Amino acid sequence: MRRRICEATAHCLATIGYPGTSIKQVVSAAGVSQGALQHHFPSKEELVAATAAFLLGRSIKWFTQIKTELEKDRSAFGTVTRRSWQDQFSTHEYEALLQILMASRTDPTLKKRIAPKLEEWRERIENEMRDLLTPIARNTDELNAMLTIGRCMMTGLLVHDSLLDDKRRVDAVIEAWIDIVSRATRT
């Protein structure tokens, strides 16, 4: 039930945004009663915080899978990066997470709930990727910067370039990123 409600919330956030998402719309999208929803999530804040945790948890599972693939074949970085865009960043789930993060910037109560979850997610993702990327980074600060730049690039593509509906440009940026990181791994 909780998963179904979080999935419906993510769908609403991605399609109508945070300000437009209401308990009533999530009830309709999830196909549950308002009482059932509010039994699990008594407020929109609780619902959104749980949805953020749900989405971040899925992301961690995805990165764990990627780590396993790259441990077997480090030369698969390009394939993995392309798939990362398709499977992780250019999805309704990531759009929903961006809606939550943007709302958290200006809502202090929501920020207080979301920031620790986001920090835990960042630490876990960086831990997953650290061993794989350490050989190309000169130090921990550079490694963390590389991971942040990669996340920011993917987020920026979703927010900016996807809105412009220019798939060729998005593909070109991803290919350039793959080339830059691949050159760094050869030096």
N, C-alpha and C. Protein backbone atom coordinates (compact mmCIF):
# COMPACT_ATOMS: atom_id res chain seq x y z
N MET A 1 0.83 -1.20 0.00
CA MET A 1 0.00 0.00 0.00
C MET A 1 0.87 1.26 0.00
N ARG A 2 1.87 1.29 0.89
CA ARG A 2 2.75 2.47 0.97
C ARG A 2 3.48 2.69 -0.36
N ARG A 3 3.97 1.58 -0.95
CA ARG A 3 4.69 1.70 -2.23
C ARG A 3 3.75 2.24 -3.31
N ARG A 4 2.56 1.71 -3.37
CA ARG A 4 1.59 2.16 -4.37
C ARG A 4 1.27 3.65 -4.19
N ILE A 5 1.13 4.10 -2.96
CA ILE A 5 0.86 5.51 -2.69
C ILE A 5 2.07 6.36 -3.08
N CYS A 6 3.27 5.91 -2.76
CA CYS A 6 4.47 6.67 -3.12
C CYS A 6 4.63 6.73 -4.64
N GLU A 7 4.35 5.64 -5.33
CA GLU A 7 4.43 5.64 -6.79
C GLU A 7 3.40 6.61 -7.39
N ALA A 8 2.21 6.63 -6.85
CA ALA A 8 1.18 7.55 -7.32
C ALA A 8 1.57 9.00 -7.03
N THR A 9 2.17 9.22 -5.86
CA THR A 9 2.64 10.57 -5.52
C THR A 9 3.72 11.01 -6.49
N ALA A 10 4.65 10.12 -6.80
CA ALA A 10 5.71 10.45 -7.75
C ALA A 10 5.11 10.80 -9.11
N HIS A 11 4.12 10.04 -9.53
CA HIS A 11 3.47 10.32 -10.81
C HIS A 11 2.83 11.72 -10.80
N CYS A 12 2.12 12.03 -9.73
CA CYS A 12 1.48 13.35 -9.63
C CYS A 12 2.53 14.46 -9.61
N LEU A 13 3.57 14.29 -8.82
CA LEU A 13 4.63 15.31 -8.75
C LEU A 13 5.25 15.54 -10.13
N ALA A 14 5.51 14.46 -10.84
CA ALA A 14 6.17 14.58 -12.14
C ALA A 14 5.26 15.21 -13.19
N THR A 15 3.98 14.94 -13.10
CA THR A 15 3.08 15.43 -14.16
C THR A 15 2.45 16.79 -13.85
N ILE A 16 2.20 17.08 -12.57
CA ILE A 16 1.55 18.37 -12.28
C ILE A 16 2.35 19.25 -11.32
N GLY A 17 3.49 18.74 -10.84
CA GLY A 17 4.36 19.54 -9.98
C GLY A 17 3.96 19.49 -8.53
N TYR A 18 4.87 19.98 -7.70
CA TYR A 18 4.64 19.98 -6.26
C TYR A 18 3.45 20.86 -5.86
N PRO A 19 3.38 22.10 -6.35
CA PRO A 19 2.26 22.94 -5.91
C PRO A 19 0.89 22.37 -6.29
N GLY A 20 0.83 21.68 -7.41
CA GLY A 20 -0.44 21.14 -7.87
C GLY A 20 -0.82 19.80 -7.28
N THR A 21 0.15 19.13 -6.66
CA THR A 21 -0.12 17.81 -6.10
C THR A 21 -0.83 17.95 -4.76
N SER A 22 -1.96 17.29 -4.66
CA SER A 22 -2.74 17.33 -3.42
C SER A 22 -3.03 15.90 -2.96
N ILE A 23 -3.44 15.79 -1.72
CA ILE A 23 -3.83 14.48 -1.18
C ILE A 23 -4.94 13.89 -2.04
N LYS A 24 -5.88 14.70 -2.44
CA LYS A 24 -7.01 14.23 -3.25
C LYS A 24 -6.54 13.65 -4.57
N GLN A 25 -5.58 14.32 -5.22
CA GLN A 25 -5.08 13.81 -6.50
C GLN A 25 -4.31 12.51 -6.32
N VAL A 26 -3.55 12.41 -5.24
CA VAL A 26 -2.80 11.18 -4.98
C VAL A 26 -3.77 10.04 -4.67
N VAL A 27 -4.81 10.32 -3.91
CA VAL A 27 -5.84 9.31 -3.61
C VAL A 27 -6.40 8.75 -4.91
N SER A 28 -6.74 9.65 -5.83
CA SER A 28 -7.28 9.23 -7.12
C SER A 28 -6.28 8.42 -7.93
N ALA A 29 -5.05 8.90 -7.99
CA ALA A 29 -4.02 8.22 -8.77
C ALA A 29 -3.67 6.85 -8.18
N ALA A 30 -3.68 6.74 -6.87
CA ALA A 30 -3.31 5.48 -6.21
C ALA A 30 -4.49 4.50 -6.15
N GLY A 31 -5.70 5.02 -6.33
CA GLY A 31 -6.87 4.15 -6.24
C GLY A 31 -7.12 3.67 -4.83
N VAL A 32 -6.89 4.56 -3.86
CA VAL A 32 -7.12 4.23 -2.45
C VAL A 32 -8.06 5.27 -1.86
N SER A 33 -8.58 4.98 -0.70
CA SER A 33 -9.43 5.98 -0.02
C SER A 33 -8.54 7.02 0.65
N GLN A 34 -9.12 8.17 0.91
CA GLN A 34 -8.38 9.21 1.61
C GLN A 34 -8.00 8.73 3.01
N GLY A 35 -8.88 7.99 3.65
CA GLY A 35 -8.59 7.46 4.98
C GLY A 35 -7.39 6.51 4.96
N ALA A 36 -7.33 5.66 3.93
CA ALA A 36 -6.20 4.72 3.81
C ALA A 36 -4.90 5.48 3.61
N LEU A 37 -4.93 6.48 2.75
CA LEU A 37 -3.72 7.27 2.50
C LEU A 37 -3.29 7.98 3.79
N GLN A 38 -4.23 8.61 4.44
CA GLN A 38 -3.87 9.39 5.62
C GLN A 38 -3.57 8.51 6.83
N HIS A 39 -3.96 7.25 6.78
CA HIS A 39 -3.53 6.31 7.82
C HIS A 39 -2.00 6.15 7.74
N HIS A 40 -1.48 6.06 6.53
CA HIS A 40 -0.04 5.88 6.32
C HIS A 40 0.71 7.22 6.34
N PHE A 41 0.07 8.25 5.79
CA PHE A 41 0.71 9.56 5.64
C PHE A 41 -0.28 10.63 6.06
N PRO A 42 -0.23 11.09 7.29
CA PRO A 42 -1.24 12.01 7.81
C PRO A 42 -1.24 13.41 7.18
N SER A 43 -0.16 13.76 6.47
CA SER A 43 -0.10 15.10 5.87
C SER A 43 0.64 15.04 4.54
N LYS A 44 0.52 16.10 3.77
CA LYS A 44 1.25 16.18 2.50
C LYS A 44 2.75 16.14 2.77
N GLU A 45 3.19 16.78 3.82
CA GLU A 45 4.62 16.78 4.17
C GLU A 45 5.10 15.35 4.42
N GLU A 46 4.34 14.58 5.20
CA GLU A 46 4.69 13.18 5.48
C GLU A 46 4.72 12.38 4.18
N LEU A 47 3.75 12.60 3.34
CA LEU A 47 3.64 11.89 2.07
C LEU A 47 4.84 12.21 1.16
N VAL A 48 5.17 13.47 1.06
CA VAL A 48 6.27 13.89 0.20
C VAL A 48 7.61 13.40 0.75
N ALA A 49 7.79 13.47 2.06
CA ALA A 49 9.04 12.99 2.66
C ALA A 49 9.19 11.48 2.43
N ALA A 50 8.13 10.73 2.59
CA ALA A 50 8.18 9.28 2.35
C ALA A 50 8.43 8.99 0.88
N THR A 51 7.85 9.77 0.00
CA THR A 51 8.07 9.57 -1.44
C THR A 51 9.52 9.87 -1.80
N ALA A 52 10.08 10.91 -1.21
CA ALA A 52 11.50 11.22 -1.46
C ALA A 52 12.37 10.06 -1.00
N ALA A 53 12.12 9.53 0.19
CA ALA A 53 12.90 8.40 0.70
C ALA A 53 12.74 7.19 -0.21
N PHE A 54 11.53 6.95 -0.69
CA PHE A 54 11.25 5.84 -1.60
C PHE A 54 12.03 5.99 -2.90
N LEU A 55 12.00 7.19 -3.48
CA LEU A 55 12.70 7.44 -4.75
C LEU A 55 14.22 7.37 -4.57
N LEU A 56 14.72 7.92 -3.50
CA LEU A 56 16.16 7.88 -3.24
C LEU A 56 16.62 6.43 -3.00
N GLY A 57 15.79 5.65 -2.34
CA GLY A 57 16.12 4.23 -2.12
C GLY A 57 16.21 3.46 -3.42
N ARG A 58 15.30 3.73 -4.33
CA ARG A 58 15.37 3.09 -5.66
C ARG A 58 16.65 3.49 -6.38
N SER A 59 17.02 4.73 -6.26
CA SER A 59 18.23 5.22 -6.91
C SER A 59 19.47 4.50 -6.37
N ILE A 60 19.53 4.29 -5.07
CA ILE A 60 20.67 3.59 -4.47
C ILE A 60 20.76 2.17 -5.02
N LYS A 61 19.63 1.50 -5.13
CA LYS A 61 19.63 0.14 -5.71
C LYS A 61 20.16 0.16 -7.13
N TRP A 62 19.78 1.19 -7.89
CA TRP A 62 20.24 1.30 -9.27
C TRP A 62 21.75 1.49 -9.30
N PHE A 63 22.29 2.37 -8.47
CA PHE A 63 23.73 2.59 -8.44
C PHE A 63 24.50 1.35 -7.97
N THR A 64 23.92 0.58 -7.07
CA THR A 64 24.56 -0.65 -6.63
C THR A 64 24.69 -1.62 -7.80
N GLN A 65 23.65 -1.70 -8.60
CA GLN A 65 23.67 -2.56 -9.79
C GLN A 65 24.74 -2.07 -10.77
N ILE A 66 24.82 -0.78 -10.98
CA ILE A 66 25.81 -0.20 -11.90
C ILE A 66 27.23 -0.49 -11.41
N LYS A 67 27.43 -0.35 -10.12
CA LYS A 67 28.75 -0.63 -9.55
C LYS A 67 29.16 -2.07 -9.88
N THR A 68 28.25 -3.00 -9.69
CA THR A 68 28.53 -4.40 -9.98
C THR A 68 28.92 -4.58 -11.45
N GLU A 69 28.18 -3.94 -12.34
CA GLU A 69 28.49 -4.04 -13.77
C GLU A 69 29.86 -3.46 -14.09
N LEU A 70 30.17 -2.31 -13.52
CA LEU A 70 31.44 -1.67 -13.83
C LEU A 70 32.62 -2.39 -13.19
N GLU A 71 32.38 -3.06 -12.07
CA GLU A 71 33.46 -3.85 -11.48
C GLU A 71 33.86 -5.00 -12.41
N LYS A 72 32.90 -5.53 -13.14
CA LYS A 72 33.17 -6.61 -14.09
C LYS A 72 33.85 -6.08 -15.34
N ASP A 73 33.49 -4.85 -15.75
CA ASP A 73 34.02 -4.30 -17.01
C ASP A 73 34.07 -2.78 -16.92
N ARG A 74 35.22 -2.24 -16.52
CA ARG A 74 35.36 -0.78 -16.39
C ARG A 74 35.23 -0.06 -17.72
N SER A 75 35.46 -0.77 -18.80
CA SER A 75 35.36 -0.12 -20.12
C SER A 75 33.90 0.14 -20.51
N ALA A 76 32.97 -0.34 -19.71
CA ALA A 76 31.55 -0.14 -20.00
C ALA A 76 31.03 1.21 -19.52
N PHE A 77 31.93 2.12 -19.12
CA PHE A 77 31.51 3.42 -18.59
C PHE A 77 30.55 4.15 -19.54
N GLY A 78 30.86 4.18 -20.82
CA GLY A 78 29.99 4.88 -21.78
C GLY A 78 28.61 4.28 -21.84
N THR A 79 28.54 2.96 -21.92
CA THR A 79 27.25 2.27 -21.96
C THR A 79 26.46 2.54 -20.70
N VAL A 80 27.13 2.48 -19.57
CA VAL A 80 26.48 2.70 -18.28
C VAL A 80 25.99 4.15 -18.18
N THR A 81 26.79 5.10 -18.63
CA THR A 81 26.38 6.51 -18.57
C THR A 81 25.16 6.76 -19.44
N ARG A 82 25.15 6.22 -20.63
CA ARG A 82 23.99 6.38 -21.52
C ARG A 82 22.74 5.77 -20.87
N ARG A 83 22.91 4.58 -20.30
CA ARG A 83 21.78 3.92 -19.65
C ARG A 83 21.36 4.68 -18.40
N SER A 84 22.32 5.28 -17.72
CA SER A 84 22.00 6.09 -16.54
C SER A 84 21.03 7.19 -16.91
N TRP A 85 21.29 7.86 -18.02
CA TRP A 85 20.38 8.92 -18.47
C TRP A 85 19.00 8.35 -18.73
N GLN A 86 18.93 7.22 -19.43
CA GLN A 86 17.64 6.65 -19.80
C GLN A 86 16.90 6.04 -18.61
N ASP A 87 17.62 5.27 -17.80
CA ASP A 87 16.96 4.49 -16.74
C ASP A 87 16.77 5.25 -15.44
N GLN A 88 17.58 6.28 -15.23
CA GLN A 88 17.54 6.94 -13.93
C GLN A 88 17.11 8.40 -14.04
N PHE A 89 17.80 9.16 -14.85
CA PHE A 89 17.61 10.61 -14.81
C PHE A 89 16.46 11.12 -15.68
N SER A 90 16.21 10.50 -16.80
CA SER A 90 15.14 11.02 -17.66
C SER A 90 13.84 10.24 -17.44
N THR A 91 13.48 10.10 -16.17
CA THR A 91 12.28 9.35 -15.80
C THR A 91 11.33 10.24 -15.00
N HIS A 92 10.09 9.80 -14.92
CA HIS A 92 9.11 10.52 -14.08
C HIS A 92 9.54 10.51 -12.63
N GLU A 93 10.18 9.42 -12.21
CA GLU A 93 10.62 9.35 -10.81
C GLU A 93 11.63 10.45 -10.49
N TYR A 94 12.59 10.67 -11.38
CA TYR A 94 13.59 11.70 -11.13
C TYR A 94 12.95 13.09 -11.24
N GLU A 95 12.02 13.25 -12.17
CA GLU A 95 11.29 14.52 -12.27
C GLU A 95 10.55 14.79 -10.96
N ALA A 96 9.96 13.76 -10.38
CA ALA A 96 9.25 13.92 -9.10
C ALA A 96 10.23 14.31 -8.00
N LEU A 97 11.38 13.66 -7.98
CA LEU A 97 12.38 14.00 -6.97
C LEU A 97 12.83 15.45 -7.12
N LEU A 98 13.01 15.90 -8.35
CA LEU A 98 13.39 17.31 -8.56
C LEU A 98 12.31 18.26 -8.06
N GLN A 99 11.06 17.89 -8.24
CA GLN A 99 9.96 18.71 -7.72
C GLN A 99 10.06 18.81 -6.19
N ILE A 100 10.35 17.70 -5.55
CA ILE A 100 10.48 17.69 -4.10
C ILE A 100 11.67 18.55 -3.66
N LEU A 101 12.79 18.39 -4.35
CA LEU A 101 13.99 19.16 -3.99
C LEU A 101 13.76 20.66 -4.18
N MET A 102 13.11 21.03 -5.27
CA MET A 102 12.84 22.46 -5.51
C MET A 102 11.89 23.01 -4.44
N ALA A 103 10.89 22.25 -4.08
CA ALA A 103 9.96 22.71 -3.04
C ALA A 103 10.70 22.84 -1.70
N SER A 104 11.64 21.94 -1.45
CA SER A 104 12.40 21.97 -0.19
C SER A 104 13.28 23.20 -0.07
N ARG A 105 13.66 23.77 -1.19
CA ARG A 105 14.51 24.97 -1.14
C ARG A 105 13.81 26.13 -0.45
N THR A 106 12.49 26.23 -0.61
CA THR A 106 11.76 27.39 -0.08
C THR A 106 10.80 27.05 1.06
N ASP A 107 10.68 25.77 1.38
CA ASP A 107 9.80 25.34 2.47
C ASP A 107 10.69 24.79 3.60
N PRO A 108 10.93 25.60 4.64
CA PRO A 108 11.87 25.19 5.70
C PRO A 108 11.49 23.87 6.39
N THR A 109 10.22 23.64 6.56
CA THR A 109 9.78 22.41 7.23
C THR A 109 10.09 21.20 6.35
N LEU A 110 9.78 21.30 5.07
CA LEU A 110 10.07 20.21 4.14
C LEU A 110 11.58 20.02 3.99
N LYS A 111 12.31 21.13 3.93
CA LYS A 111 13.77 21.04 3.83
C LYS A 111 14.36 20.26 5.00
N LYS A 112 13.86 20.54 6.18
CA LYS A 112 14.35 19.86 7.39
C LYS A 112 14.11 18.35 7.28
N ARG A 113 13.03 17.94 6.62
CA ARG A 113 12.71 16.52 6.45
C ARG A 113 13.51 15.88 5.33
N ILE A 114 13.74 16.62 4.25
CA ILE A 114 14.35 16.06 3.05
C ILE A 114 15.87 16.09 3.11
N ALA A 115 16.46 17.14 3.63
CA ALA A 115 17.93 17.30 3.61
C ALA A 115 18.68 16.09 4.18
N PRO A 116 18.29 15.55 5.33
CA PRO A 116 19.02 14.38 5.84
C PRO A 116 18.92 13.16 4.90
N LYS A 117 17.75 12.98 4.29
CA LYS A 117 17.58 11.86 3.36
C LYS A 117 18.46 12.05 2.13
N LEU A 118 18.55 13.27 1.65
CA LEU A 118 19.37 13.56 0.48
C LEU A 118 20.85 13.40 0.82
N GLU A 119 21.26 13.83 1.99
CA GLU A 119 22.66 13.69 2.40
C GLU A 119 23.02 12.21 2.53
N GLU A 120 22.14 11.43 3.13
CA GLU A 120 22.40 9.99 3.25
C GLU A 120 22.50 9.36 1.86
N TRP A 121 21.61 9.74 0.95
CA TRP A 121 21.64 9.24 -0.43
C TRP A 121 22.97 9.59 -1.08
N ARG A 122 23.39 10.85 -0.98
CA ARG A 122 24.64 11.29 -1.59
C ARG A 122 25.82 10.49 -1.06
N GLU A 123 25.88 10.31 0.24
CA GLU A 123 26.97 9.55 0.84
C GLU A 123 26.99 8.10 0.36
N ARG A 124 25.81 7.51 0.28
CA ARG A 124 25.74 6.10 -0.16
C ARG A 124 26.12 5.97 -1.63
N ILE A 125 25.67 6.90 -2.47
CA ILE A 125 26.03 6.85 -3.89
C ILE A 125 27.53 7.04 -4.05
N GLU A 126 28.07 8.02 -3.35
CA GLU A 126 29.50 8.27 -3.46
C GLU A 126 30.30 7.07 -2.96
N ASN A 127 29.83 6.41 -1.93
CA ASN A 127 30.51 5.20 -1.45
C ASN A 127 30.45 4.09 -2.50
N GLU A 128 29.31 3.96 -3.18
CA GLU A 128 29.18 2.95 -4.22
C GLU A 128 30.16 3.21 -5.37
N MET A 129 30.32 4.46 -5.73
CA MET A 129 31.11 4.80 -6.91
C MET A 129 32.58 5.09 -6.59
N ARG A 130 32.90 5.32 -5.34
CA ARG A 130 34.26 5.73 -4.95
C ARG A 130 35.33 4.75 -5.43
N ASP A 131 35.16 3.47 -5.17
CA ASP A 131 36.18 2.50 -5.56
C ASP A 131 36.39 2.47 -7.07
N LEU A 132 35.32 2.67 -7.80
CA LEU A 132 35.43 2.63 -9.26
C LEU A 132 36.12 3.86 -9.82
N LEU A 133 35.87 5.00 -9.21
CA LEU A 133 36.40 6.25 -9.76
C LEU A 133 37.70 6.71 -9.11
N THR A 134 38.07 6.12 -7.98
CA THR A 134 39.29 6.53 -7.30
C THR A 134 40.52 6.50 -8.20
N PRO A 135 40.67 5.51 -9.07
CA PRO A 135 41.88 5.51 -9.91
C PRO A 135 42.01 6.73 -10.83
N ILE A 136 40.92 7.42 -11.12
CA ILE A 136 41.03 8.58 -12.02
C ILE A 136 41.02 9.91 -11.29
N ALA A 137 40.81 9.88 -9.98
CA ALA A 137 40.81 11.11 -9.20
C ALA A 137 42.12 11.22 -8.42
N ARG A 138 42.64 12.43 -8.32
CA ARG A 138 43.90 12.64 -7.61
C ARG A 138 43.73 12.59 -6.10
N ASN A 139 42.51 12.92 -5.62
CA ASN A 139 42.28 12.92 -4.18
C ASN A 139 40.78 12.85 -3.93
N THR A 140 40.39 12.76 -2.68
CA THR A 140 38.98 12.62 -2.31
C THR A 140 38.15 13.83 -2.76
N ASP A 141 38.71 15.03 -2.62
CA ASP A 141 37.97 16.22 -3.04
C ASP A 141 37.67 16.19 -4.54
N GLU A 142 38.65 15.77 -5.33
CA GLU A 142 38.44 15.69 -6.77
C GLU A 142 37.41 14.61 -7.11
N LEU A 143 37.49 13.49 -6.41
CA LEU A 143 36.52 12.42 -6.63
C LEU A 143 35.10 12.91 -6.32
N ASN A 144 34.93 13.56 -5.17
CA ASN A 144 33.60 14.07 -4.81
C ASN A 144 33.13 15.11 -5.81
N ALA A 145 34.04 15.93 -6.31
CA ALA A 145 33.68 16.92 -7.34
C ALA A 145 33.22 16.22 -8.62
N MET A 146 33.92 15.17 -9.02
CA MET A 146 33.52 14.44 -10.23
C MET A 146 32.12 13.86 -10.09
N LEU A 147 31.84 13.28 -8.94
CA LEU A 147 30.51 12.71 -8.71
C LEU A 147 29.43 13.80 -8.72
N THR A 148 29.73 14.92 -8.08
CA THR A 148 28.77 16.02 -8.05
C THR A 148 28.55 16.59 -9.45
N ILE A 149 29.63 16.76 -10.20
CA ILE A 149 29.51 17.28 -11.57
C ILE A 149 28.66 16.34 -12.42
N GLY A 150 28.86 15.06 -12.28
CA GLY A 150 28.04 14.10 -13.03
C GLY A 150 26.57 14.21 -12.69
N ARG A 151 26.25 14.28 -11.38
CA ARG A 151 24.85 14.43 -10.96
C ARG A 151 24.26 15.73 -11.47
N CYS A 152 25.04 16.81 -11.33
CA CYS A 152 24.55 18.13 -11.77
C CYS A 152 24.33 18.16 -13.28
N MET A 153 25.23 17.52 -14.02
CA MET A 153 25.06 17.48 -15.47
C MET A 153 23.75 16.77 -15.84
N MET A 154 23.52 15.62 -15.23
CA MET A 154 22.31 14.86 -15.55
C MET A 154 21.06 15.64 -15.14
N THR A 155 21.10 16.27 -13.97
CA THR A 155 19.96 17.07 -13.52
C THR A 155 19.73 18.24 -14.45
N GLY A 156 20.81 18.92 -14.82
CA GLY A 156 20.71 20.05 -15.73
C GLY A 156 20.13 19.66 -17.08
N LEU A 157 20.53 18.50 -17.58
CA LEU A 157 19.98 18.02 -18.85
C LEU A 157 18.47 17.81 -18.74
N LEU A 158 18.05 17.26 -17.62
CA LEU A 158 16.62 17.02 -17.45
C LEU A 158 15.87 18.34 -17.34
N VAL A 159 16.38 19.25 -16.54
CA VAL A 159 15.67 20.51 -16.30
C VAL A 159 15.71 21.41 -17.53
N HIS A 160 16.85 21.54 -18.14
CA HIS A 160 17.00 22.51 -19.22
C HIS A 160 16.81 21.89 -20.61
N ASP A 161 17.69 21.02 -20.98
CA ASP A 161 17.70 20.53 -22.35
C ASP A 161 16.50 19.65 -22.69
N SER A 162 16.02 18.86 -21.74
CA SER A 162 14.84 18.05 -22.02
C SER A 162 13.61 18.92 -22.24
N LEU A 163 13.54 20.03 -21.52
CA LEU A 163 12.41 20.94 -21.71
C LEU A 163 12.42 21.54 -23.12
N LEU A 164 13.61 21.68 -23.67
CA LEU A 164 13.73 22.20 -25.03
C LEU A 164 13.45 21.13 -26.07
N ASP A 165 13.31 19.89 -25.60
CA ASP A 165 12.97 18.76 -26.46
C ASP A 165 13.96 18.59 -27.61
N ASP A 166 15.24 18.65 -27.27
CA ASP A 166 16.29 18.49 -28.27
C ASP A 166 17.13 17.27 -27.91
N LYS A 167 16.63 16.10 -28.29
CA LYS A 167 17.29 14.84 -27.94
C LYS A 167 18.70 14.78 -28.50
N ARG A 168 18.92 15.32 -29.67
CA ARG A 168 20.27 15.29 -30.25
C ARG A 168 21.26 16.04 -29.37
N ARG A 169 20.84 17.19 -28.84
CA ARG A 169 21.73 17.96 -27.98
C ARG A 169 22.02 17.21 -26.68
N VAL A 170 20.99 16.61 -26.09
CA VAL A 170 21.18 15.83 -24.87
C VAL A 170 22.16 14.70 -25.14
N ASP A 171 21.95 13.98 -26.23
CA ASP A 171 22.85 12.88 -26.58
C ASP A 171 24.28 13.39 -26.79
N ALA A 172 24.44 14.55 -27.42
CA ALA A 172 25.77 15.11 -27.66
C ALA A 172 26.46 15.47 -26.34
N VAL A 173 25.71 16.02 -25.39
CA VAL A 173 26.30 16.37 -24.09
C VAL A 173 26.73 15.10 -23.35
N ILE A 174 25.90 14.09 -23.36
CA ILE A 174 26.25 12.83 -22.70
C ILE A 174 27.49 12.22 -23.35
N GLU A 175 27.56 12.23 -24.67
CA GLU A 175 28.73 11.69 -25.37
C GLU A 175 29.99 12.49 -25.02
N ALA A 176 29.86 13.80 -24.90
CA ALA A 176 31.01 14.64 -24.53
C ALA A 176 31.47 14.29 -23.11
N TRP A 177 30.53 14.10 -22.20
CA TRP A 177 30.88 13.72 -20.81
C TRP A 177 31.61 12.38 -20.80
N ILE A 178 31.10 11.42 -21.56
CA ILE A 178 31.75 10.10 -21.64
C ILE A 178 33.17 10.26 -22.16
N ASP A 179 33.34 11.08 -23.17
CA ASP A 179 34.67 11.30 -23.76
C ASP A 179 35.62 11.94 -22.74
N ILE A 180 35.14 12.94 -22.03
CA ILE A 180 35.98 13.63 -21.03
C ILE A 180 36.43 12.66 -19.94
N VAL A 181 35.50 11.90 -19.39
CA VAL A 181 35.85 10.97 -18.32
C VAL A 181 36.71 9.83 -18.86
N SER A 182 36.42 9.37 -20.06
CA SER A 182 37.22 8.30 -20.65
C SER A 182 38.66 8.74 -20.88
N ARG A 183 38.86 9.97 -21.33
CA ARG A 183 40.22 10.50 -21.51
C ARG A 183 40.93 10.60 -20.16
N ALA A 184 40.21 11.00 -19.14
CA ALA A 184 40.81 11.13 -17.80
C ALA A 184 41.24 9.75 -17.28
N THR A 185 40.50 8.71 -17.63
CA THR A 185 40.85 7.38 -17.14
C THR A 185 42.07 6.82 -17.87
N ARG A 186 42.37 7.33 -19.05
CA ARG A 186 43.53 6.84 -19.81
C ARG A 186 44.83 7.52 -19.41
N THR A 187 44.74 8.68 -18.73
CA THR A 187 45.98 9.39 -18.39
C THR A 187 46.53 8.95 -17.07
